[in-house]
Each structure stands twice: as structure tokens, then as C-alpha cells.
């Protein structure tokens, strides 16, 4: 009988795939050689950071929901974690704020503003454009 294949991910007991981390590291071509343990440790580290941020965001959402209800309940409140909750969790934690300093979070609230800046301005129509005499500087 043949042995079944066991992935690095299963052996390490993590959710993030070390094989993907290794592929990204090899694609960057920053290092000549990558040890077998490097992608496992990096995937575990990223997983730990993501878990901490999500846990902090979930606690914020839960306390917010309990405050809105103003009633103690045996069942935990159910709500979705959105981008604003994640950003708040990162900004509230000193270590995560330092880690993500210089990083721009985009959310549903910022997208329309950014879209206005990226899209080309509409051309002026009618008498106002003719009276202006051409381009504005």
C-alpha cells in the first residue's frame, strides 16, 4: 500500500499555504536559496497576525452589538466584520499600527472619492465652454 501525501500545511497545522509563500519568494528572486522551513515560518507568522487582527475586530463588533442591544444575552451577538472594523482593530493596537504604518487601507467608503480622482474630467458643454475660450489652467 502506498503512503498518502502530507502537505507542509498539514504537518505544520496552519491554514496559510507555505507552498504559496515559497512560490511568492521564488518569484521575487531576492534570495538565491530558500530553506525548507522559511515558507512555513512566514506562513505561520502571517496567519498569527491575521488571526490577531480578526480576533480584535470581532471583539470590537461584539462589544458594539452588545452596547446597541443594552441587554445581556446568553447567545453571542452575530454580526459581520467589515473593512472599517479591521481598520479600527489595526489602528487601536500599537504593534499592528506600527506594522501597517504607511499602508493605505481602501474601503467602500473611500472608493467613490478615489474613483473621482482617477477618472478623466468631463468636458464642458454649451455656452459656458465657448465663453471660457478653451483650456483652464
N, C-alpha and C. Protein backbone atom coordinates (compact mmCIF):
# COMPACT_ATOMS: atom_id res chain seq x y z
N UNK A 1 0.83 -1.17 0.00
CA UNK A 1 0.00 0.00 0.00
C UNK A 1 0.88 1.24 0.00
N UNK A 2 0.45 2.26 -0.74
CA UNK A 2 1.23 3.50 -0.86
C UNK A 2 0.95 4.46 0.28
N UNK A 3 1.93 5.29 0.52
CA UNK A 3 1.75 6.31 1.54
C UNK A 3 0.95 7.47 0.95
N UNK A 4 0.14 8.09 1.81
CA UNK A 4 -0.58 9.26 1.35
C UNK A 4 0.29 10.49 1.56
N UNK A 5 0.18 11.42 0.65
CA UNK A 5 0.99 12.63 0.72
C UNK A 5 0.47 13.55 1.83
N UNK A 6 1.39 14.10 2.58
CA UNK A 6 1.04 15.05 3.64
C UNK A 6 1.70 16.37 3.28
N UNK A 7 0.91 17.43 3.20
CA UNK A 7 1.45 18.73 2.82
C UNK A 7 2.16 19.39 4.00
N UNK A 8 2.99 20.38 3.67
CA UNK A 8 3.66 21.16 4.72
C UNK A 8 2.62 21.85 5.59
N UNK A 9 1.56 22.28 4.97
CA UNK A 9 0.48 22.96 5.67
C UNK A 9 -0.15 22.05 6.73
N UNK A 10 -0.41 20.82 6.36
CA UNK A 10 -0.98 19.85 7.31
C UNK A 10 0.02 19.51 8.42
N UNK A 11 1.27 19.33 8.04
CA UNK A 11 2.30 18.99 9.02
C UNK A 11 2.48 20.11 10.04
N UNK A 12 2.43 21.35 9.57
CA UNK A 12 2.64 22.49 10.45
C UNK A 12 1.37 22.84 11.23
N UNK A 13 0.21 22.39 10.75
CA UNK A 13 -1.04 22.68 11.42
C UNK A 13 -1.48 24.12 11.26
N UNK A 14 -1.26 24.69 10.06
CA UNK A 14 -1.63 26.07 9.80
C UNK A 14 -2.59 26.13 8.62
N UNK A 15 -3.28 27.27 8.47
CA UNK A 15 -4.24 27.43 7.39
C UNK A 15 -3.62 28.06 6.15
N UNK A 16 -2.66 28.95 6.33
CA UNK A 16 -2.00 29.59 5.20
C UNK A 16 -1.05 28.58 4.55
N UNK A 17 -1.02 28.57 3.23
CA UNK A 17 -0.25 27.57 2.50
C UNK A 17 1.21 27.97 2.34
N UNK A 18 2.15 27.22 2.93
CA UNK A 18 3.57 27.50 2.76
C UNK A 18 4.02 27.38 1.30
N UNK A 19 3.36 26.54 0.53
CA UNK A 19 3.74 26.37 -0.88
C UNK A 19 3.52 27.68 -1.64
N UNK A 20 2.46 28.40 -1.31
CA UNK A 20 2.21 29.69 -1.96
C UNK A 20 3.24 30.73 -1.53
N UNK A 21 3.61 30.69 -0.26
CA UNK A 21 4.62 31.62 0.24
C UNK A 21 5.94 31.35 -0.46
N UNK A 22 6.30 30.08 -0.60
CA UNK A 22 7.53 29.72 -1.30
C UNK A 22 7.50 30.21 -2.75
N UNK A 23 6.36 30.04 -3.42
CA UNK A 23 6.24 30.49 -4.80
C UNK A 23 6.42 32.01 -4.91
N UNK A 24 5.84 32.74 -3.96
CA UNK A 24 5.99 34.20 -3.97
C UNK A 24 7.45 34.60 -3.72
N UNK A 25 8.11 33.91 -2.80
CA UNK A 25 9.52 34.22 -2.52
C UNK A 25 10.40 33.91 -3.73
N UNK A 26 10.12 32.80 -4.40
CA UNK A 26 10.92 32.45 -5.57
C UNK A 26 10.65 33.40 -6.73
N UNK A 27 9.41 33.88 -6.82
CA UNK A 27 9.06 34.81 -7.90
C UNK A 27 9.77 36.15 -7.72
N UNK A 28 9.97 36.58 -6.46
CA UNK A 28 10.66 37.84 -6.18
C UNK A 28 12.13 37.78 -6.57
N UNK A 29 12.73 36.61 -6.49
CA UNK A 29 14.15 36.38 -6.82
C UNK A 29 15.07 37.27 -5.99
N UNK A 30 14.72 37.45 -4.74
CA UNK A 30 15.54 38.26 -3.84
C UNK A 30 16.67 37.42 -3.26
N UNK A 31 16.40 36.14 -3.03
CA UNK A 31 17.39 35.26 -2.43
C UNK A 31 17.78 34.17 -3.42
N UNK A 32 19.02 33.72 -3.29
CA UNK A 32 19.48 32.64 -4.17
C UNK A 32 18.93 31.31 -3.72
N UNK A 33 18.82 31.14 -2.39
CA UNK A 33 18.32 29.86 -1.86
C UNK A 33 17.32 30.14 -0.74
N UNK A 34 16.29 29.32 -0.68
CA UNK A 34 15.27 29.43 0.36
C UNK A 34 15.21 28.09 1.08
N UNK A 35 15.37 28.12 2.39
CA UNK A 35 15.35 26.85 3.14
C UNK A 35 13.94 26.28 3.18
N UNK A 36 13.82 25.04 3.60
CA UNK A 36 12.53 24.37 3.67
C UNK A 36 11.64 24.98 4.76
N UNK A 37 12.26 25.48 5.82
CA UNK A 37 11.48 26.00 6.94
C UNK A 37 10.98 27.43 6.73
N UNK A 38 11.63 28.20 5.88
CA UNK A 38 11.30 29.61 5.71
C UNK A 38 9.83 29.84 5.34
N UNK A 39 9.29 29.18 4.32
CA UNK A 39 7.88 29.43 3.98
C UNK A 39 6.93 29.02 5.10
N UNK A 40 7.28 27.98 5.85
CA UNK A 40 6.41 27.53 6.94
C UNK A 40 6.37 28.58 8.04
N UNK A 41 7.54 29.10 8.43
CA UNK A 41 7.58 30.12 9.47
C UNK A 41 6.90 31.41 9.02
N UNK A 42 7.11 31.80 7.76
CA UNK A 42 6.48 33.02 7.27
C UNK A 42 4.96 32.87 7.19
N UNK A 43 4.48 31.73 6.72
CA UNK A 43 3.04 31.50 6.65
C UNK A 43 2.43 31.48 8.05
N UNK A 44 3.12 30.87 8.99
CA UNK A 44 2.63 30.84 10.36
C UNK A 44 2.60 32.25 10.96
N UNK A 45 3.60 33.05 10.67
CA UNK A 45 3.64 34.42 11.16
C UNK A 45 2.51 35.28 10.60
N UNK A 46 2.29 35.18 9.30
CA UNK A 46 1.21 35.93 8.66
C UNK A 46 -0.15 35.47 9.20
N UNK A 47 -0.28 34.17 9.40
CA UNK A 47 -1.53 33.63 9.95
C UNK A 47 -1.77 34.16 11.36
N UNK A 48 -0.72 34.23 12.15
CA UNK A 48 -0.84 34.72 13.53
C UNK A 48 -1.25 36.19 13.55
N UNK A 49 -0.68 36.99 12.66
CA UNK A 49 -1.04 38.41 12.58
C UNK A 49 -2.49 38.56 12.13
N UNK A 50 -2.89 37.83 11.10
CA UNK A 50 -4.26 37.91 10.60
C UNK A 50 -5.26 37.46 11.66
N UNK A 51 -4.92 36.41 12.39
CA UNK A 51 -5.80 35.91 13.45
C UNK A 51 -5.96 36.94 14.56
N UNK A 52 -4.86 37.59 14.94
CA UNK A 52 -4.93 38.62 15.97
C UNK A 52 -5.79 39.80 15.56
N UNK A 53 -5.64 40.24 14.32
CA UNK A 53 -6.43 41.37 13.83
C UNK A 53 -7.91 41.00 13.77
N UNK A 54 -8.21 39.82 13.24
CA UNK A 54 -9.61 39.40 13.15
C UNK A 54 -10.23 39.19 14.53
N UNK A 55 -9.46 38.67 15.46
CA UNK A 55 -9.97 38.47 16.82
C UNK A 55 -10.28 39.82 17.47
N UNK A 56 -9.39 40.79 17.30
CA UNK A 56 -9.60 42.12 17.87
C UNK A 56 -10.82 42.80 17.22
N UNK A 57 -10.96 42.65 15.90
CA UNK A 57 -12.11 43.23 15.19
C UNK A 57 -13.41 42.57 15.65
N UNK A 58 -13.38 41.26 15.85
CA UNK A 58 -14.58 40.55 16.31
C UNK A 58 -14.98 40.99 17.72
N UNK A 59 -13.99 41.22 18.58
CA UNK A 59 -14.30 41.71 19.93
C UNK A 59 -14.93 43.10 19.86
N UNK A 60 -14.40 43.96 18.98
CA UNK A 60 -14.98 45.30 18.82
C UNK A 60 -16.42 45.23 18.34
N UNK A 61 -16.68 44.36 17.36
CA UNK A 61 -18.03 44.23 16.83
C UNK A 61 -18.97 43.67 17.90
N UNK A 62 -18.49 42.69 18.66
CA UNK A 62 -19.33 42.09 19.69
C UNK A 62 -19.68 43.10 20.78
N UNK A 63 -18.71 43.88 21.23
CA UNK A 63 -19.00 44.89 22.26
C UNK A 63 -19.89 45.99 21.72
N UNK A 64 -19.73 46.32 20.46
CA UNK A 64 -20.59 47.33 19.83
C UNK A 64 -22.02 46.82 19.75
N UNK A 65 -22.20 45.57 19.36
CA UNK A 65 -23.54 44.98 19.26
C UNK A 65 -24.19 44.89 20.63
N UNK A 66 -23.42 44.48 21.64
CA UNK A 66 -23.98 44.40 22.99
C UNK A 66 -24.37 45.78 23.50
N UNK A 67 -23.59 46.79 23.16
CA UNK A 67 -23.92 48.15 23.57
C UNK A 67 -25.19 48.64 22.87
N UNK A 68 -25.37 48.24 21.61
CA UNK A 68 -26.57 48.64 20.88
C UNK A 68 -27.81 47.97 21.47
N UNK A 69 -27.68 46.70 21.86
CA UNK A 69 -28.81 45.96 22.42
C UNK A 69 -29.14 46.42 23.83
N UNK A 70 -28.10 46.72 24.60
CA UNK A 70 -28.22 47.11 26.01
C UNK A 70 -28.92 46.03 26.84
N UNK A 71 -28.83 44.80 26.36
CA UNK A 71 -29.43 43.68 27.08
C UNK A 71 -28.41 42.55 27.11
N UNK A 72 -28.13 42.03 28.28
CA UNK A 72 -27.22 40.89 28.38
C UNK A 72 -27.93 39.64 27.88
N UNK A 73 -27.26 38.89 27.05
CA UNK A 73 -27.87 37.70 26.46
C UNK A 73 -26.91 36.52 26.59
N UNK A 74 -27.48 35.30 26.64
CA UNK A 74 -26.61 34.12 26.72
C UNK A 74 -25.99 33.85 25.35
N UNK A 75 -26.72 34.16 24.27
CA UNK A 75 -26.20 33.92 22.94
C UNK A 75 -25.25 35.05 22.54
N UNK A 76 -24.13 34.70 21.91
CA UNK A 76 -23.22 35.76 21.45
C UNK A 76 -23.87 36.53 20.30
N UNK A 77 -23.63 37.82 20.21
CA UNK A 77 -24.21 38.59 19.12
C UNK A 77 -23.60 38.19 17.78
N UNK A 78 -24.41 38.20 16.76
CA UNK A 78 -23.92 37.86 15.43
C UNK A 78 -23.90 39.12 14.58
N UNK A 79 -22.81 39.35 13.94
CA UNK A 79 -22.66 40.50 13.05
C UNK A 79 -21.50 40.22 12.11
N UNK A 80 -21.45 40.98 11.04
CA UNK A 80 -20.36 40.84 10.09
C UNK A 80 -19.24 41.80 10.44
N UNK A 81 -18.03 41.35 10.17
CA UNK A 81 -16.87 42.21 10.33
C UNK A 81 -16.62 42.86 8.98
N UNK A 82 -16.65 44.17 8.93
CA UNK A 82 -16.40 44.85 7.66
C UNK A 82 -15.03 45.53 7.70
N UNK A 83 -14.70 46.20 6.62
CA UNK A 83 -13.38 46.80 6.49
C UNK A 83 -13.12 47.84 7.58
N UNK A 84 -14.14 48.60 7.95
CA UNK A 84 -13.97 49.62 8.98
C UNK A 84 -13.59 49.00 10.32
N UNK A 85 -14.12 47.81 10.61
CA UNK A 85 -13.78 47.12 11.86
C UNK A 85 -12.33 46.66 11.85
N UNK A 86 -11.87 46.19 10.72
CA UNK A 86 -10.48 45.73 10.60
C UNK A 86 -9.53 46.92 10.72
N UNK A 87 -9.86 48.02 10.06
CA UNK A 87 -9.01 49.21 10.15
C UNK A 87 -8.96 49.72 11.58
N UNK A 88 -10.11 49.73 12.26
CA UNK A 88 -10.15 50.17 13.65
C UNK A 88 -9.32 49.26 14.54
N UNK A 89 -9.38 47.95 14.30
CA UNK A 89 -8.61 47.00 15.09
C UNK A 89 -7.11 47.22 14.89
N UNK A 90 -6.71 47.51 13.66
CA UNK A 90 -5.29 47.76 13.38
C UNK A 90 -4.84 49.05 14.04
N UNK A 91 -5.66 50.08 13.95
CA UNK A 91 -5.28 51.39 14.50
C UNK A 91 -5.27 51.40 16.03
N UNK A 92 -6.10 50.58 16.66
CA UNK A 92 -6.17 50.55 18.13
C UNK A 92 -4.99 49.81 18.76
N UNK A 93 -4.43 48.84 18.07
CA UNK A 93 -3.32 48.06 18.59
C UNK A 93 -2.00 48.73 18.19
N UNK A 94 -1.16 49.01 19.16
CA UNK A 94 0.09 49.73 18.90
C UNK A 94 0.99 48.95 17.95
N UNK A 95 1.13 47.65 18.18
CA UNK A 95 2.03 46.84 17.35
C UNK A 95 1.53 46.73 15.91
N UNK A 96 0.22 46.50 15.75
CA UNK A 96 -0.33 46.40 14.40
C UNK A 96 -0.29 47.75 13.69
N UNK A 97 -0.51 48.83 14.43
CA UNK A 97 -0.45 50.17 13.84
C UNK A 97 0.96 50.45 13.33
N UNK A 98 1.96 50.03 14.09
CA UNK A 98 3.34 50.22 13.65
C UNK A 98 3.65 49.33 12.45
N UNK A 99 3.12 48.11 12.45
CA UNK A 99 3.35 47.18 11.34
C UNK A 99 2.74 47.72 10.05
N UNK A 100 1.54 48.30 10.15
CA UNK A 100 0.83 48.77 8.97
C UNK A 100 1.01 50.27 8.72
N UNK A 101 1.98 50.91 9.37
CA UNK A 101 2.20 52.33 9.11
C UNK A 101 2.68 52.48 7.66
N UNK A 102 2.14 53.45 6.99
CA UNK A 102 2.48 53.65 5.59
C UNK A 102 1.65 52.82 4.64
N UNK A 103 0.72 52.03 5.18
CA UNK A 103 -0.15 51.19 4.37
C UNK A 103 -1.49 51.90 4.23
N UNK A 104 -2.02 51.99 3.03
CA UNK A 104 -3.29 52.67 2.80
C UNK A 104 -4.40 51.62 2.69
N UNK A 105 -5.31 51.63 3.64
CA UNK A 105 -6.47 50.75 3.57
C UNK A 105 -7.50 51.39 2.66
N UNK A 106 -8.05 50.61 1.76
CA UNK A 106 -9.15 51.12 0.94
C UNK A 106 -10.41 50.39 1.38
N UNK A 107 -11.49 51.13 1.47
CA UNK A 107 -12.75 50.51 1.88
C UNK A 107 -13.85 51.04 0.98
N UNK A 108 -15.05 50.57 1.22
CA UNK A 108 -16.19 51.00 0.41
C UNK A 108 -16.42 52.50 0.56
N UNK A 109 -16.03 53.07 1.70
CA UNK A 109 -16.24 54.49 1.92
C UNK A 109 -15.27 55.33 1.09
N UNK A 110 -14.10 54.80 0.80
CA UNK A 110 -13.08 55.57 0.08
C UNK A 110 -13.15 55.40 -1.43
N UNK A 111 -13.78 54.35 -1.91
CA UNK A 111 -13.75 54.04 -3.33
C UNK A 111 -14.37 55.14 -4.19
N UNK A 112 -15.55 55.68 -3.88
CA UNK A 112 -16.10 56.72 -4.75
C UNK A 112 -15.20 57.95 -4.84
N UNK A 113 -14.57 58.35 -3.76
CA UNK A 113 -13.69 59.51 -3.79
C UNK A 113 -12.48 59.24 -4.68
N UNK A 114 -11.91 58.06 -4.54
CA UNK A 114 -10.74 57.70 -5.34
C UNK A 114 -11.13 57.59 -6.81
N UNK A 115 -12.32 57.09 -7.10
CA UNK A 115 -12.76 56.95 -8.48
C UNK A 115 -12.88 58.31 -9.15
N UNK A 116 -13.31 59.31 -8.41
CA UNK A 116 -13.42 60.66 -8.98
C UNK A 116 -12.05 61.21 -9.36
N UNK A 117 -11.04 60.88 -8.56
CA UNK A 117 -9.70 61.37 -8.85
C UNK A 117 -9.06 60.66 -10.03
N UNK A 118 -9.41 59.39 -10.22
CA UNK A 118 -8.77 58.59 -11.26
C UNK A 118 -9.40 58.82 -12.62
N UNK A 119 -10.73 58.97 -12.66
CA UNK A 119 -11.40 59.10 -13.95
C UNK A 119 -11.10 60.46 -14.57
N UNK A 120 -11.17 60.52 -15.88
CA UNK A 120 -10.91 61.76 -16.60
C UNK A 120 -12.06 62.74 -16.38
N UNK A 121 -11.76 64.03 -16.26
CA UNK A 121 -12.84 65.01 -16.07
C UNK A 121 -13.70 65.10 -17.32
N UNK A 122 -14.99 65.37 -17.11
CA UNK A 122 -15.90 65.50 -18.25
C UNK A 122 -15.66 66.84 -18.93
N UNK A 123 -15.82 66.84 -20.24
CA UNK A 123 -15.64 68.07 -21.00
C UNK A 123 -16.84 68.98 -20.79
N UNK A 124 -16.55 70.28 -20.76
CA UNK A 124 -17.62 71.26 -20.58
C UNK A 124 -18.43 71.36 -21.85
N UNK A 125 -19.74 71.53 -21.70
CA UNK A 125 -20.62 71.63 -22.85
C UNK A 125 -21.33 72.98 -22.82
N UNK A 126 -21.77 73.43 -23.97
CA UNK A 126 -22.65 74.59 -24.03
C UNK A 126 -21.91 75.91 -24.09
N UNK A 127 -22.65 76.97 -23.75
CA UNK A 127 -22.15 78.34 -23.85
C UNK A 127 -21.03 78.63 -22.86
N UNK A 128 -21.06 77.98 -21.71
CA UNK A 128 -20.04 78.23 -20.69
C UNK A 128 -18.66 77.83 -21.22
N UNK A 129 -18.58 76.77 -21.98
CA UNK A 129 -17.30 76.32 -22.52
C UNK A 129 -16.82 77.26 -23.61
N UNK A 130 -17.74 77.76 -24.44
CA UNK A 130 -17.36 78.67 -25.52
C UNK A 130 -16.90 80.01 -24.97
N UNK A 131 -17.57 80.48 -23.94
CA UNK A 131 -17.22 81.78 -23.35
C UNK A 131 -15.87 81.73 -22.65
N UNK A 132 -15.51 80.56 -22.15
CA UNK A 132 -14.25 80.41 -21.44
C UNK A 132 -13.05 80.53 -22.34
N UNK A 133 -13.22 80.29 -23.62
CA UNK A 133 -12.12 80.45 -24.56
C UNK A 133 -11.12 79.31 -24.56
N UNK A 134 -11.49 78.13 -24.14
CA UNK A 134 -10.58 76.99 -24.25
C UNK A 134 -10.21 76.37 -22.91
N UNK A 135 -8.93 76.03 -22.79
CA UNK A 135 -8.45 75.30 -21.62
C UNK A 135 -8.36 76.20 -20.40
N UNK A 136 -8.58 75.58 -19.25
CA UNK A 136 -8.39 76.28 -17.99
C UNK A 136 -7.07 75.84 -17.39
N UNK A 137 -6.31 76.76 -16.85
CA UNK A 137 -5.03 76.42 -16.24
C UNK A 137 -5.07 76.61 -14.78
